N, C-alpha and C. Protein backbone atom coordinates (compact mmCIF):
# COMPACT_ATOMS: atom_id res chain seq x y z
N MET A 1 33.48 4.92 -54.81
CA MET A 1 34.41 5.11 -53.73
C MET A 1 34.43 3.83 -52.89
N THR A 2 35.62 3.39 -52.56
CA THR A 2 35.76 2.16 -51.78
C THR A 2 35.71 2.48 -50.28
N PRO A 3 35.31 1.50 -49.48
CA PRO A 3 35.30 1.72 -48.03
C PRO A 3 36.71 1.91 -47.48
N ILE A 4 36.78 2.45 -46.28
CA ILE A 4 38.05 2.65 -45.61
C ILE A 4 38.67 1.28 -45.32
N ARG A 5 39.94 1.15 -45.68
CA ARG A 5 40.65 -0.11 -45.43
C ARG A 5 41.68 0.10 -44.32
N PRO A 6 41.54 -0.63 -43.22
CA PRO A 6 42.49 -0.47 -42.12
C PRO A 6 43.94 -0.75 -42.53
N ARG A 7 44.13 -1.66 -43.46
CA ARG A 7 45.49 -1.99 -43.91
C ARG A 7 46.14 -0.77 -44.59
N ALA A 8 45.37 -0.04 -45.37
CA ALA A 8 45.91 1.16 -46.03
C ALA A 8 46.22 2.25 -44.99
N LEU A 9 45.37 2.39 -43.99
CA LEU A 9 45.64 3.37 -42.94
C LEU A 9 46.90 3.00 -42.17
N ALA A 10 47.08 1.72 -41.90
CA ALA A 10 48.27 1.27 -41.19
C ALA A 10 49.53 1.53 -42.03
N ALA A 11 49.44 1.33 -43.33
CA ALA A 11 50.60 1.59 -44.20
C ALA A 11 50.97 3.07 -44.19
N VAL A 12 49.97 3.94 -44.24
CA VAL A 12 50.23 5.38 -44.17
C VAL A 12 50.88 5.73 -42.84
N ALA A 13 50.37 5.16 -41.75
CA ALA A 13 50.91 5.45 -40.43
C ALA A 13 52.36 4.98 -40.30
N VAL A 14 52.66 3.81 -40.82
CA VAL A 14 54.03 3.28 -40.74
C VAL A 14 54.99 4.15 -41.55
N CYS A 15 54.58 4.55 -42.74
CA CYS A 15 55.44 5.41 -43.57
C CYS A 15 55.68 6.77 -42.91
N CYS A 16 54.65 7.33 -42.33
CA CYS A 16 54.80 8.62 -41.63
C CYS A 16 55.65 8.48 -40.39
N ALA A 17 55.54 7.36 -39.69
CA ALA A 17 56.37 7.13 -38.50
C ALA A 17 57.84 7.04 -38.89
N ALA A 18 58.14 6.33 -39.96
CA ALA A 18 59.53 6.22 -40.41
C ALA A 18 60.08 7.57 -40.85
N LEU A 19 59.29 8.32 -41.57
CA LEU A 19 59.72 9.65 -42.01
C LEU A 19 59.92 10.59 -40.83
N ALA A 20 58.99 10.56 -39.89
CA ALA A 20 59.10 11.42 -38.71
C ALA A 20 60.33 11.06 -37.89
N TRP A 21 60.57 9.76 -37.70
CA TRP A 21 61.74 9.33 -36.93
C TRP A 21 63.02 9.83 -37.59
N LEU A 22 63.09 9.73 -38.92
CA LEU A 22 64.28 10.17 -39.63
C LEU A 22 64.50 11.68 -39.49
N VAL A 23 63.45 12.46 -39.67
CA VAL A 23 63.57 13.91 -39.56
C VAL A 23 63.90 14.32 -38.13
N ILE A 24 63.25 13.70 -37.16
CA ILE A 24 63.50 14.03 -35.76
C ILE A 24 64.92 13.66 -35.36
N ARG A 25 65.38 12.55 -35.84
CA ARG A 25 66.75 12.10 -35.54
C ARG A 25 67.77 13.12 -36.02
N LEU A 26 67.49 13.75 -37.15
CA LEU A 26 68.44 14.71 -37.72
C LEU A 26 68.33 16.10 -37.11
N ALA A 27 67.14 16.49 -36.62
CA ALA A 27 66.95 17.89 -36.23
C ALA A 27 66.14 18.09 -34.95
N TYR A 28 66.13 17.13 -34.03
CA TYR A 28 65.29 17.27 -32.83
C TYR A 28 65.70 18.46 -31.97
N SER A 29 66.98 18.73 -31.89
CA SER A 29 67.45 19.82 -31.01
C SER A 29 66.96 21.19 -31.46
N SER A 30 66.58 21.34 -32.72
CA SER A 30 66.11 22.64 -33.20
C SER A 30 64.58 22.75 -33.19
N PHE A 31 63.88 21.71 -32.75
CA PHE A 31 62.41 21.74 -32.72
C PHE A 31 61.92 22.48 -31.47
N PRO A 32 60.82 23.23 -31.61
CA PRO A 32 60.18 23.79 -30.41
C PRO A 32 59.41 22.67 -29.69
N PRO A 33 58.97 22.91 -28.46
CA PRO A 33 58.18 21.88 -27.77
C PRO A 33 56.90 21.55 -28.54
N LEU A 34 56.48 20.30 -28.46
CA LEU A 34 55.26 19.89 -29.16
C LEU A 34 54.04 20.55 -28.52
N PRO A 35 53.12 21.07 -29.32
CA PRO A 35 51.91 21.67 -28.75
C PRO A 35 50.90 20.60 -28.37
N TRP A 36 50.24 20.78 -27.25
CA TRP A 36 49.22 19.83 -26.80
C TRP A 36 47.89 20.07 -27.49
N THR A 37 47.76 21.16 -28.22
CA THR A 37 46.48 21.52 -28.84
C THR A 37 46.03 20.51 -29.89
N ALA A 38 46.95 19.76 -30.46
CA ALA A 38 46.57 18.75 -31.45
C ALA A 38 45.70 17.68 -30.80
N VAL A 39 45.98 17.35 -29.55
CA VAL A 39 45.19 16.35 -28.84
C VAL A 39 43.73 16.81 -28.74
N ALA A 40 43.53 18.03 -28.30
CA ALA A 40 42.18 18.56 -28.14
C ALA A 40 41.47 18.67 -29.49
N ALA A 41 42.18 19.11 -30.51
CA ALA A 41 41.56 19.26 -31.83
C ALA A 41 41.13 17.91 -32.41
N LEU A 42 42.00 16.91 -32.30
CA LEU A 42 41.66 15.59 -32.83
C LEU A 42 40.49 14.96 -32.06
N LEU A 43 40.48 15.13 -30.74
CA LEU A 43 39.37 14.59 -29.95
C LEU A 43 38.06 15.30 -30.26
N LEU A 44 38.12 16.60 -30.47
CA LEU A 44 36.91 17.36 -30.82
C LEU A 44 36.37 16.89 -32.17
N LEU A 45 37.24 16.67 -33.14
CA LEU A 45 36.81 16.14 -34.43
C LEU A 45 36.22 14.74 -34.30
N ALA A 46 36.82 13.92 -33.44
CA ALA A 46 36.31 12.56 -33.24
C ALA A 46 34.91 12.58 -32.65
N VAL A 47 34.69 13.43 -31.68
CA VAL A 47 33.36 13.53 -31.06
C VAL A 47 32.35 14.03 -32.09
N ALA A 48 32.73 15.03 -32.88
CA ALA A 48 31.82 15.56 -33.89
C ALA A 48 31.47 14.50 -34.94
N GLU A 49 32.44 13.72 -35.35
CA GLU A 49 32.17 12.69 -36.36
C GLU A 49 31.33 11.55 -35.79
N ALA A 50 31.59 11.17 -34.56
CA ALA A 50 30.78 10.11 -33.95
C ALA A 50 29.33 10.58 -33.76
N TRP A 51 29.16 11.80 -33.34
CA TRP A 51 27.81 12.36 -33.18
C TRP A 51 27.10 12.46 -34.53
N SER A 52 27.82 12.90 -35.54
CA SER A 52 27.24 12.99 -36.88
C SER A 52 26.87 11.61 -37.41
N GLY A 53 27.69 10.63 -37.15
CA GLY A 53 27.39 9.27 -37.58
C GLY A 53 26.13 8.74 -36.92
N ARG A 54 25.98 9.01 -35.64
CA ARG A 54 24.78 8.57 -34.91
C ARG A 54 23.53 9.20 -35.51
N ASN A 55 23.58 10.51 -35.75
CA ASN A 55 22.42 11.19 -36.33
C ASN A 55 22.17 10.76 -37.78
N LEU A 56 23.23 10.57 -38.52
CA LEU A 56 23.12 10.17 -39.92
C LEU A 56 22.48 8.79 -40.03
N ARG A 57 22.90 7.87 -39.19
CA ARG A 57 22.34 6.52 -39.21
C ARG A 57 20.83 6.56 -38.92
N ALA A 58 20.43 7.36 -37.97
CA ALA A 58 19.01 7.48 -37.64
C ALA A 58 18.22 8.04 -38.82
N ARG A 59 18.79 9.01 -39.51
CA ARG A 59 18.09 9.62 -40.64
C ARG A 59 18.03 8.68 -41.83
N ILE A 60 19.09 7.93 -42.07
CA ILE A 60 19.10 6.98 -43.20
C ILE A 60 18.09 5.88 -42.97
N ARG A 61 18.00 5.41 -41.75
CA ARG A 61 17.06 4.32 -41.44
C ARG A 61 15.63 4.79 -41.28
N GLY A 62 15.41 6.09 -41.34
CA GLY A 62 14.05 6.63 -41.30
C GLY A 62 13.38 6.47 -39.95
N ARG A 63 14.11 6.63 -38.89
CA ARG A 63 13.53 6.52 -37.56
C ARG A 63 12.54 7.65 -37.34
N PRO A 64 11.54 7.42 -36.49
CA PRO A 64 10.53 8.46 -36.22
C PRO A 64 11.18 9.74 -35.70
N GLY A 65 10.74 10.84 -36.24
CA GLY A 65 11.25 12.14 -35.84
C GLY A 65 12.51 12.57 -36.58
N ALA A 66 13.07 11.71 -37.42
CA ALA A 66 14.28 12.06 -38.17
C ALA A 66 13.89 12.53 -39.56
N LYS A 67 14.48 13.63 -39.98
CA LYS A 67 14.20 14.17 -41.30
C LYS A 67 14.90 13.33 -42.36
N PRO A 68 14.31 13.20 -43.55
CA PRO A 68 14.99 12.48 -44.63
C PRO A 68 16.23 13.25 -45.10
N LEU A 69 17.14 12.53 -45.70
CA LEU A 69 18.41 13.10 -46.13
C LEU A 69 18.54 13.15 -47.64
N ALA A 70 19.24 14.14 -48.13
CA ALA A 70 19.60 14.17 -49.55
C ALA A 70 20.78 13.24 -49.76
N VAL A 71 20.82 12.59 -50.89
CA VAL A 71 21.89 11.63 -51.19
C VAL A 71 23.25 12.32 -51.19
N ILE A 72 23.32 13.54 -51.68
CA ILE A 72 24.60 14.24 -51.74
C ILE A 72 25.15 14.50 -50.35
N ALA A 73 24.29 14.69 -49.37
CA ALA A 73 24.75 14.91 -47.99
C ALA A 73 25.43 13.65 -47.45
N VAL A 74 24.88 12.50 -47.77
CA VAL A 74 25.48 11.24 -47.32
C VAL A 74 26.83 11.04 -48.01
N ALA A 75 26.90 11.37 -49.29
CA ALA A 75 28.16 11.23 -50.02
C ALA A 75 29.22 12.17 -49.43
N ARG A 76 28.83 13.37 -49.07
CA ARG A 76 29.78 14.30 -48.47
C ARG A 76 30.29 13.79 -47.13
N MET A 77 29.40 13.21 -46.35
CA MET A 77 29.82 12.67 -45.06
C MET A 77 30.77 11.48 -45.25
N ALA A 78 30.54 10.67 -46.26
CA ALA A 78 31.44 9.55 -46.54
C ALA A 78 32.82 10.04 -46.94
N VAL A 79 32.87 11.10 -47.73
CA VAL A 79 34.16 11.68 -48.12
C VAL A 79 34.86 12.29 -46.91
N LEU A 80 34.10 12.96 -46.04
CA LEU A 80 34.67 13.50 -44.81
C LEU A 80 35.26 12.39 -43.96
N ALA A 81 34.56 11.28 -43.85
CA ALA A 81 35.04 10.16 -43.05
C ALA A 81 36.34 9.60 -43.62
N LYS A 82 36.40 9.45 -44.92
CA LYS A 82 37.61 8.90 -45.55
C LYS A 82 38.80 9.85 -45.37
N ALA A 83 38.56 11.14 -45.54
CA ALA A 83 39.63 12.13 -45.37
C ALA A 83 40.10 12.19 -43.92
N SER A 84 39.16 12.12 -43.00
CA SER A 84 39.52 12.16 -41.58
C SER A 84 40.34 10.94 -41.18
N ALA A 85 40.00 9.80 -41.72
CA ALA A 85 40.75 8.59 -41.42
C ALA A 85 42.19 8.72 -41.93
N GLN A 86 42.36 9.30 -43.10
CA GLN A 86 43.72 9.49 -43.63
C GLN A 86 44.52 10.47 -42.78
N VAL A 87 43.89 11.57 -42.38
CA VAL A 87 44.57 12.56 -41.53
C VAL A 87 44.93 11.93 -40.19
N ALA A 88 44.02 11.14 -39.64
CA ALA A 88 44.29 10.46 -38.37
C ALA A 88 45.48 9.51 -38.51
N ALA A 89 45.56 8.81 -39.62
CA ALA A 89 46.69 7.90 -39.84
C ALA A 89 48.01 8.68 -39.95
N ILE A 90 47.98 9.82 -40.59
CA ILE A 90 49.18 10.65 -40.70
C ILE A 90 49.62 11.15 -39.32
N PHE A 91 48.67 11.68 -38.55
CA PHE A 91 49.00 12.16 -37.20
C PHE A 91 49.49 11.02 -36.31
N ALA A 92 48.85 9.86 -36.43
CA ALA A 92 49.28 8.72 -35.62
C ALA A 92 50.70 8.31 -35.99
N GLY A 93 51.02 8.29 -37.26
CA GLY A 93 52.36 7.93 -37.69
C GLY A 93 53.41 8.93 -37.22
N LEU A 94 53.11 10.22 -37.36
CA LEU A 94 54.06 11.23 -36.90
C LEU A 94 54.28 11.14 -35.40
N SER A 95 53.21 10.93 -34.66
CA SER A 95 53.32 10.81 -33.21
C SER A 95 54.10 9.56 -32.82
N ALA A 96 53.86 8.47 -33.52
CA ALA A 96 54.59 7.24 -33.24
C ALA A 96 56.08 7.42 -33.53
N GLY A 97 56.41 8.14 -34.59
CA GLY A 97 57.81 8.42 -34.89
C GLY A 97 58.47 9.21 -33.77
N PHE A 98 57.75 10.21 -33.24
CA PHE A 98 58.27 10.96 -32.10
C PHE A 98 58.49 10.04 -30.91
N LEU A 99 57.50 9.20 -30.62
CA LEU A 99 57.60 8.32 -29.46
C LEU A 99 58.76 7.33 -29.59
N ILE A 100 58.95 6.81 -30.77
CA ILE A 100 60.05 5.86 -30.99
C ILE A 100 61.40 6.55 -30.75
N TYR A 101 61.53 7.76 -31.27
CA TYR A 101 62.80 8.47 -31.10
C TYR A 101 63.02 8.87 -29.64
N LEU A 102 61.97 9.35 -28.99
CA LEU A 102 62.10 9.88 -27.63
C LEU A 102 62.10 8.79 -26.55
N GLY A 103 61.88 7.56 -26.93
CA GLY A 103 61.80 6.47 -25.96
C GLY A 103 63.03 6.32 -25.09
N GLY A 104 64.17 6.60 -25.60
CA GLY A 104 65.41 6.44 -24.83
C GLY A 104 65.83 7.68 -24.07
N MET A 105 65.09 8.77 -24.17
CA MET A 105 65.48 10.02 -23.52
C MET A 105 64.47 10.49 -22.48
N LEU A 106 63.74 9.60 -21.89
CA LEU A 106 62.66 10.00 -20.98
C LEU A 106 63.16 10.52 -19.63
N SER A 107 64.44 10.40 -19.35
CA SER A 107 64.97 10.91 -18.08
C SER A 107 65.14 12.43 -18.11
N LYS A 108 65.18 13.02 -19.28
CA LYS A 108 65.32 14.47 -19.42
C LYS A 108 63.94 15.12 -19.48
N PRO A 109 63.76 16.30 -18.91
CA PRO A 109 62.42 16.91 -18.84
C PRO A 109 61.80 17.28 -20.19
N ALA A 110 62.56 17.88 -21.09
CA ALA A 110 61.98 18.31 -22.37
C ALA A 110 61.55 17.12 -23.24
N PRO A 111 62.39 16.10 -23.42
CA PRO A 111 61.92 14.95 -24.19
C PRO A 111 60.76 14.21 -23.53
N ARG A 112 60.73 14.17 -22.18
CA ARG A 112 59.63 13.51 -21.48
C ARG A 112 58.31 14.24 -21.75
N SER A 113 58.36 15.56 -21.72
CA SER A 113 57.16 16.36 -22.01
C SER A 113 56.70 16.14 -23.46
N ASP A 114 57.65 16.13 -24.39
CA ASP A 114 57.31 15.88 -25.79
C ASP A 114 56.75 14.47 -25.98
N ALA A 115 57.29 13.50 -25.25
CA ALA A 115 56.81 12.12 -25.36
C ALA A 115 55.38 12.00 -24.83
N ILE A 116 55.08 12.70 -23.75
CA ILE A 116 53.70 12.68 -23.22
C ILE A 116 52.74 13.30 -24.21
N THR A 117 53.14 14.41 -24.80
CA THR A 117 52.29 15.06 -25.81
C THR A 117 52.13 14.18 -27.04
N ALA A 118 53.21 13.55 -27.47
CA ALA A 118 53.13 12.66 -28.64
C ALA A 118 52.25 11.45 -28.34
N GLY A 119 52.33 10.92 -27.13
CA GLY A 119 51.47 9.80 -26.75
C GLY A 119 50.00 10.20 -26.74
N GLY A 120 49.71 11.38 -26.22
CA GLY A 120 48.33 11.87 -26.24
C GLY A 120 47.83 12.10 -27.66
N THR A 121 48.70 12.62 -28.51
CA THR A 121 48.33 12.84 -29.91
C THR A 121 48.09 11.51 -30.62
N LEU A 122 48.91 10.52 -30.34
CA LEU A 122 48.72 9.20 -30.93
C LEU A 122 47.38 8.61 -30.50
N ALA A 123 47.07 8.70 -29.22
CA ALA A 123 45.79 8.17 -28.73
C ALA A 123 44.61 8.91 -29.36
N ALA A 124 44.71 10.23 -29.45
CA ALA A 124 43.62 11.01 -30.05
C ALA A 124 43.47 10.69 -31.53
N ALA A 125 44.57 10.45 -32.22
CA ALA A 125 44.50 10.09 -33.64
C ALA A 125 43.83 8.74 -33.84
N VAL A 126 44.10 7.80 -32.95
CA VAL A 126 43.44 6.49 -33.03
C VAL A 126 41.94 6.64 -32.79
N VAL A 127 41.56 7.48 -31.84
CA VAL A 127 40.13 7.72 -31.57
C VAL A 127 39.48 8.37 -32.79
N LEU A 128 40.16 9.32 -33.43
CA LEU A 128 39.61 9.96 -34.63
C LEU A 128 39.46 8.94 -35.76
N ALA A 129 40.43 8.07 -35.93
CA ALA A 129 40.33 7.05 -36.98
C ALA A 129 39.14 6.13 -36.72
N ALA A 130 38.92 5.75 -35.47
CA ALA A 130 37.78 4.91 -35.13
C ALA A 130 36.46 5.64 -35.39
N ALA A 131 36.41 6.92 -35.06
CA ALA A 131 35.20 7.70 -35.31
C ALA A 131 34.95 7.85 -36.81
N ALA A 132 36.02 8.00 -37.59
CA ALA A 132 35.87 8.12 -39.04
C ALA A 132 35.36 6.82 -39.65
N VAL A 133 35.87 5.69 -39.17
CA VAL A 133 35.37 4.40 -39.67
C VAL A 133 33.90 4.22 -39.29
N TYR A 134 33.54 4.63 -38.09
CA TYR A 134 32.14 4.56 -37.66
C TYR A 134 31.25 5.43 -38.55
N LEU A 135 31.69 6.66 -38.82
CA LEU A 135 30.91 7.55 -39.68
C LEU A 135 30.76 6.96 -41.07
N GLU A 136 31.82 6.40 -41.59
CA GLU A 136 31.75 5.79 -42.93
C GLU A 136 30.77 4.62 -42.94
N ARG A 137 30.75 3.83 -41.89
CA ARG A 137 29.82 2.71 -41.81
C ARG A 137 28.39 3.19 -41.66
N CYS A 138 28.20 4.32 -41.02
CA CYS A 138 26.85 4.88 -40.87
C CYS A 138 26.30 5.41 -42.19
N CYS A 139 27.16 5.68 -43.15
CA CYS A 139 26.74 6.20 -44.45
C CYS A 139 26.20 5.10 -45.36
N ARG A 140 26.36 3.86 -44.98
CA ARG A 140 25.90 2.76 -45.83
C ARG A 140 24.38 2.64 -45.78
N ALA A 141 23.81 2.29 -46.92
CA ALA A 141 22.35 2.09 -46.99
C ALA A 141 22.00 0.80 -46.28
N PRO A 142 20.88 0.78 -45.59
CA PRO A 142 20.48 -0.46 -44.90
C PRO A 142 20.12 -1.53 -45.92
N ASP A 143 20.25 -2.80 -45.50
CA ASP A 143 19.89 -3.92 -46.36
C ASP A 143 18.38 -3.96 -46.55
N LEU A 144 17.98 -4.33 -47.74
CA LEU A 144 16.56 -4.45 -48.04
C LEU A 144 16.04 -5.78 -47.49
N PRO A 145 14.80 -5.79 -47.02
CA PRO A 145 14.21 -7.07 -46.60
C PRO A 145 14.09 -8.02 -47.80
N ASP A 146 14.02 -9.32 -47.53
CA ASP A 146 13.95 -10.33 -48.60
C ASP A 146 12.74 -10.16 -49.50
N ASP A 147 11.60 -9.78 -48.95
CA ASP A 147 10.40 -9.64 -49.77
C ASP A 147 10.46 -8.42 -50.67
N ALA A 148 11.24 -7.39 -50.33
CA ALA A 148 11.37 -6.20 -51.17
C ALA A 148 12.26 -6.49 -52.38
N GLU A 149 13.16 -7.44 -52.28
CA GLU A 149 14.05 -7.75 -53.40
C GLU A 149 13.32 -8.46 -54.52
N ASP A 150 12.22 -9.14 -54.22
CA ASP A 150 11.47 -9.88 -55.24
C ASP A 150 10.70 -8.95 -56.16
N ASP A 151 10.41 -7.74 -55.75
CA ASP A 151 9.60 -6.81 -56.56
C ASP A 151 10.30 -6.31 -57.76
């Protein structure tokens, strides 16, 4: 499995933003108001992943008081991080598409409310992507000291 690549996440976000803008342009009047719950859910996932990364790093490095880890658990966390980063890129792209479309309609109350929600969702998606990258980096094995490589 390859590490998370920011360029690939950006490509996913740009494609989703273009698709969202196109769909919203055609059917915005029939959409219900955007729910704010996505912001809370994405932030909760980001906090959970950052906390898991912190604990995982301590366990991998064998810090005092930390239990050893099974290799499969680390692999599962790496897969979770990669999947979360992709989901965050999708949500960020969709939110950006909403923001781009709604940028010219901020004088009206309903589009302004949707733009605020989309902006919050975009920010929360970026935080989740950062937490996912952090978790993925915490899954890496520490470098061996120079004297251990000679054995």
